[in-house]
Amino acid sequence: MIFSKTGLTNWYLKLASGTIEKAADGAYVIGGKQYYINMLSGQIPIIREVDGETELVLQVDGSPVKYEIIW
């Protein structure tokens, strides 16, 4: 994903929601091992709670976002 504007504040890309855990290898385990998200572009996502739901989000800073979903 590429966002064309830089300098945006408080913009986030939601990568996943549900149960989220960070694995020892740096990947994120989603939904009790239903799938995994591995960041390829070096950004570090944030795990946060919003209205009782856990989300994996990435702050948008204008740089390309590359990740893989492993089923």
N, C-alpha and C. Protein backbone atom coordinates (compact mmCIF):
# COMPACT_ATOMS: atom_id res chain seq x y z
N MET A 1 0.84 -1.17 0.00
CA MET A 1 0.00 0.00 0.00
C MET A 1 0.89 1.24 0.00
N ILE A 2 0.51 2.20 -0.77
CA ILE A 2 1.25 3.45 -0.80
C ILE A 2 0.26 4.59 -0.55
N PHE A 3 0.59 5.43 0.41
CA PHE A 3 -0.21 6.61 0.71
C PHE A 3 0.51 7.81 0.12
N SER A 4 -0.21 8.63 -0.61
CA SER A 4 0.44 9.69 -1.38
C SER A 4 0.75 10.94 -0.57
N LYS A 5 0.11 11.13 0.58
CA LYS A 5 0.35 12.34 1.34
C LYS A 5 1.28 12.05 2.51
N THR A 6 2.16 12.99 2.78
CA THR A 6 3.03 12.86 3.94
C THR A 6 2.65 13.93 4.95
N GLY A 7 3.09 13.75 6.17
CA GLY A 7 2.82 14.72 7.21
C GLY A 7 1.44 14.59 7.83
N LEU A 8 0.72 13.52 7.52
CA LEU A 8 -0.59 13.32 8.12
C LEU A 8 -0.41 12.91 9.57
N THR A 9 -1.28 13.38 10.43
CA THR A 9 -1.22 12.99 11.83
C THR A 9 -2.50 12.27 12.22
N ASN A 10 -2.36 11.34 13.13
CA ASN A 10 -3.49 10.58 13.66
C ASN A 10 -4.26 9.79 12.60
N TRP A 11 -3.57 9.34 11.57
CA TRP A 11 -4.15 8.45 10.57
C TRP A 11 -3.56 7.07 10.79
N TYR A 12 -4.41 6.06 10.79
CA TYR A 12 -3.97 4.69 11.03
C TYR A 12 -4.57 3.75 9.99
N LEU A 13 -3.81 2.76 9.64
CA LEU A 13 -4.26 1.67 8.77
C LEU A 13 -4.55 0.47 9.66
N LYS A 14 -5.79 -0.02 9.66
CA LYS A 14 -6.12 -1.20 10.47
C LYS A 14 -5.76 -2.44 9.68
N LEU A 15 -4.82 -3.21 10.20
CA LEU A 15 -4.37 -4.43 9.55
C LEU A 15 -5.21 -5.62 9.96
N ALA A 16 -5.69 -5.64 11.21
CA ALA A 16 -6.47 -6.78 11.71
C ALA A 16 -7.23 -6.38 12.95
N SER A 17 -8.24 -7.19 13.29
CA SER A 17 -8.94 -7.03 14.56
C SER A 17 -9.31 -8.42 15.07
N GLY A 18 -9.51 -8.51 16.37
CA GLY A 18 -9.79 -9.78 17.02
C GLY A 18 -8.73 -10.04 18.07
N THR A 19 -8.49 -11.31 18.38
CA THR A 19 -7.41 -11.62 19.31
C THR A 19 -6.09 -11.49 18.56
N ILE A 20 -5.15 -10.76 19.17
CA ILE A 20 -3.88 -10.47 18.51
C ILE A 20 -2.75 -10.68 19.50
N GLU A 21 -1.75 -11.43 19.09
CA GLU A 21 -0.57 -11.66 19.91
C GLU A 21 0.67 -11.48 19.04
N LYS A 22 1.74 -10.99 19.64
CA LYS A 22 3.00 -10.89 18.92
C LYS A 22 3.80 -12.17 19.17
N ALA A 23 4.22 -12.83 18.11
CA ALA A 23 4.98 -14.08 18.20
C ALA A 23 6.46 -13.78 18.41
N ALA A 24 7.20 -14.79 18.84
CA ALA A 24 8.64 -14.64 19.10
C ALA A 24 9.41 -14.24 17.85
N ASP A 25 8.93 -14.63 16.67
CA ASP A 25 9.63 -14.30 15.42
C ASP A 25 9.28 -12.91 14.89
N GLY A 26 8.41 -12.17 15.62
CA GLY A 26 8.05 -10.82 15.21
C GLY A 26 6.75 -10.72 14.43
N ALA A 27 6.21 -11.85 14.00
CA ALA A 27 4.92 -11.86 13.30
C ALA A 27 3.80 -11.63 14.31
N TYR A 28 2.61 -11.35 13.81
CA TYR A 28 1.45 -11.15 14.68
C TYR A 28 0.47 -12.29 14.43
N VAL A 29 0.05 -12.94 15.51
CA VAL A 29 -0.87 -14.07 15.45
C VAL A 29 -2.28 -13.49 15.61
N ILE A 30 -3.13 -13.76 14.63
CA ILE A 30 -4.46 -13.18 14.60
C ILE A 30 -5.51 -14.29 14.77
N GLY A 31 -6.47 -14.02 15.64
CA GLY A 31 -7.61 -14.93 15.80
C GLY A 31 -7.25 -16.32 16.28
N GLY A 32 -6.34 -16.43 17.23
CA GLY A 32 -5.98 -17.76 17.74
C GLY A 32 -5.37 -18.66 16.68
N LYS A 33 -4.45 -18.14 15.91
CA LYS A 33 -3.71 -18.84 14.86
C LYS A 33 -4.53 -19.08 13.58
N GLN A 34 -5.58 -18.27 13.36
CA GLN A 34 -6.32 -18.37 12.10
C GLN A 34 -5.44 -17.90 10.94
N TYR A 35 -4.66 -16.84 11.22
CA TYR A 35 -3.68 -16.38 10.24
C TYR A 35 -2.63 -15.52 10.94
N TYR A 36 -1.58 -15.18 10.20
CA TYR A 36 -0.47 -14.41 10.73
C TYR A 36 -0.23 -13.20 9.82
N ILE A 37 0.26 -12.12 10.41
CA ILE A 37 0.69 -10.96 9.62
C ILE A 37 2.15 -10.72 9.93
N ASN A 38 2.93 -10.63 8.87
CA ASN A 38 4.36 -10.38 8.99
C ASN A 38 4.68 -9.08 8.26
N MET A 39 5.23 -8.11 8.97
CA MET A 39 5.58 -6.83 8.36
C MET A 39 6.87 -6.98 7.56
N LEU A 40 6.85 -6.51 6.32
CA LEU A 40 8.02 -6.60 5.44
C LEU A 40 8.72 -5.26 5.26
N SER A 41 8.02 -4.17 5.56
CA SER A 41 8.57 -2.84 5.28
C SER A 41 9.21 -2.16 6.49
N GLY A 42 9.28 -2.86 7.62
CA GLY A 42 10.03 -2.33 8.75
C GLY A 42 9.24 -1.54 9.78
N GLN A 43 8.01 -1.13 9.46
CA GLN A 43 7.22 -0.41 10.44
C GLN A 43 6.79 -1.36 11.58
N ILE A 44 6.51 -0.78 12.72
CA ILE A 44 6.08 -1.58 13.88
C ILE A 44 4.63 -1.23 14.19
N PRO A 45 3.71 -2.16 13.97
CA PRO A 45 2.31 -1.90 14.26
C PRO A 45 2.06 -1.74 15.76
N ILE A 46 0.91 -1.16 16.07
CA ILE A 46 0.48 -0.95 17.44
C ILE A 46 -0.71 -1.86 17.71
N ILE A 47 -0.70 -2.55 18.84
CA ILE A 47 -1.87 -3.32 19.28
C ILE A 47 -2.63 -2.42 20.24
N ARG A 48 -3.90 -2.15 19.93
CA ARG A 48 -4.68 -1.24 20.78
C ARG A 48 -6.10 -1.78 20.98
N GLU A 49 -6.73 -1.29 22.03
CA GLU A 49 -8.12 -1.61 22.35
C GLU A 49 -9.00 -0.43 21.98
N VAL A 50 -10.06 -0.68 21.21
CA VAL A 50 -11.01 0.36 20.84
C VAL A 50 -12.41 -0.24 20.99
N ASP A 51 -13.19 0.33 21.89
CA ASP A 51 -14.57 -0.12 22.13
C ASP A 51 -14.64 -1.62 22.40
N GLY A 52 -13.72 -2.13 23.19
CA GLY A 52 -13.71 -3.54 23.56
C GLY A 52 -13.17 -4.48 22.50
N GLU A 53 -12.64 -3.95 21.42
CA GLU A 53 -12.09 -4.76 20.33
C GLU A 53 -10.59 -4.50 20.22
N THR A 54 -9.81 -5.55 20.06
CA THR A 54 -8.36 -5.41 19.89
C THR A 54 -8.07 -5.22 18.40
N GLU A 55 -7.26 -4.22 18.09
CA GLU A 55 -6.89 -3.93 16.71
C GLU A 55 -5.37 -3.91 16.54
N LEU A 56 -4.94 -4.31 15.37
CA LEU A 56 -3.54 -4.16 14.97
C LEU A 56 -3.52 -3.04 13.94
N VAL A 57 -2.91 -1.92 14.30
CA VAL A 57 -2.92 -0.74 13.42
C VAL A 57 -1.50 -0.26 13.17
N LEU A 58 -1.38 0.48 12.08
CA LEU A 58 -0.09 1.05 11.69
C LEU A 58 -0.30 2.53 11.43
N GLN A 59 0.51 3.37 12.07
CA GLN A 59 0.38 4.81 11.85
C GLN A 59 0.83 5.15 10.43
N VAL A 60 0.01 5.91 9.73
CA VAL A 60 0.31 6.30 8.35
C VAL A 60 1.29 7.46 8.37
N ASP A 61 2.44 7.27 7.71
CA ASP A 61 3.45 8.33 7.68
C ASP A 61 3.88 8.68 6.26
N GLY A 62 3.18 8.13 5.27
CA GLY A 62 3.51 8.44 3.88
C GLY A 62 4.46 7.44 3.23
N SER A 63 5.04 6.54 4.02
CA SER A 63 5.96 5.56 3.44
C SER A 63 5.19 4.32 3.00
N PRO A 64 5.73 3.58 2.03
CA PRO A 64 5.06 2.36 1.57
C PRO A 64 4.92 1.34 2.71
N VAL A 65 3.79 0.62 2.70
CA VAL A 65 3.54 -0.42 3.68
C VAL A 65 3.51 -1.75 2.96
N LYS A 66 4.37 -2.65 3.39
CA LYS A 66 4.41 -3.99 2.80
C LYS A 66 4.29 -5.01 3.93
N TYR A 67 3.38 -5.95 3.74
CA TYR A 67 3.19 -7.01 4.73
C TYR A 67 2.69 -8.25 4.03
N GLU A 68 2.83 -9.38 4.69
CA GLU A 68 2.30 -10.61 4.13
C GLU A 68 1.32 -11.23 5.12
N ILE A 69 0.31 -11.86 4.56
CA ILE A 69 -0.67 -12.59 5.36
C ILE A 69 -0.40 -14.07 5.14
N ILE A 70 -0.20 -14.79 6.22
CA ILE A 70 0.11 -16.21 6.15
C ILE A 70 -1.08 -16.98 6.69
N TRP A 71 -1.68 -17.83 5.86
CA TRP A 71 -2.85 -18.62 6.26
C TRP A 71 -2.44 -19.93 6.84
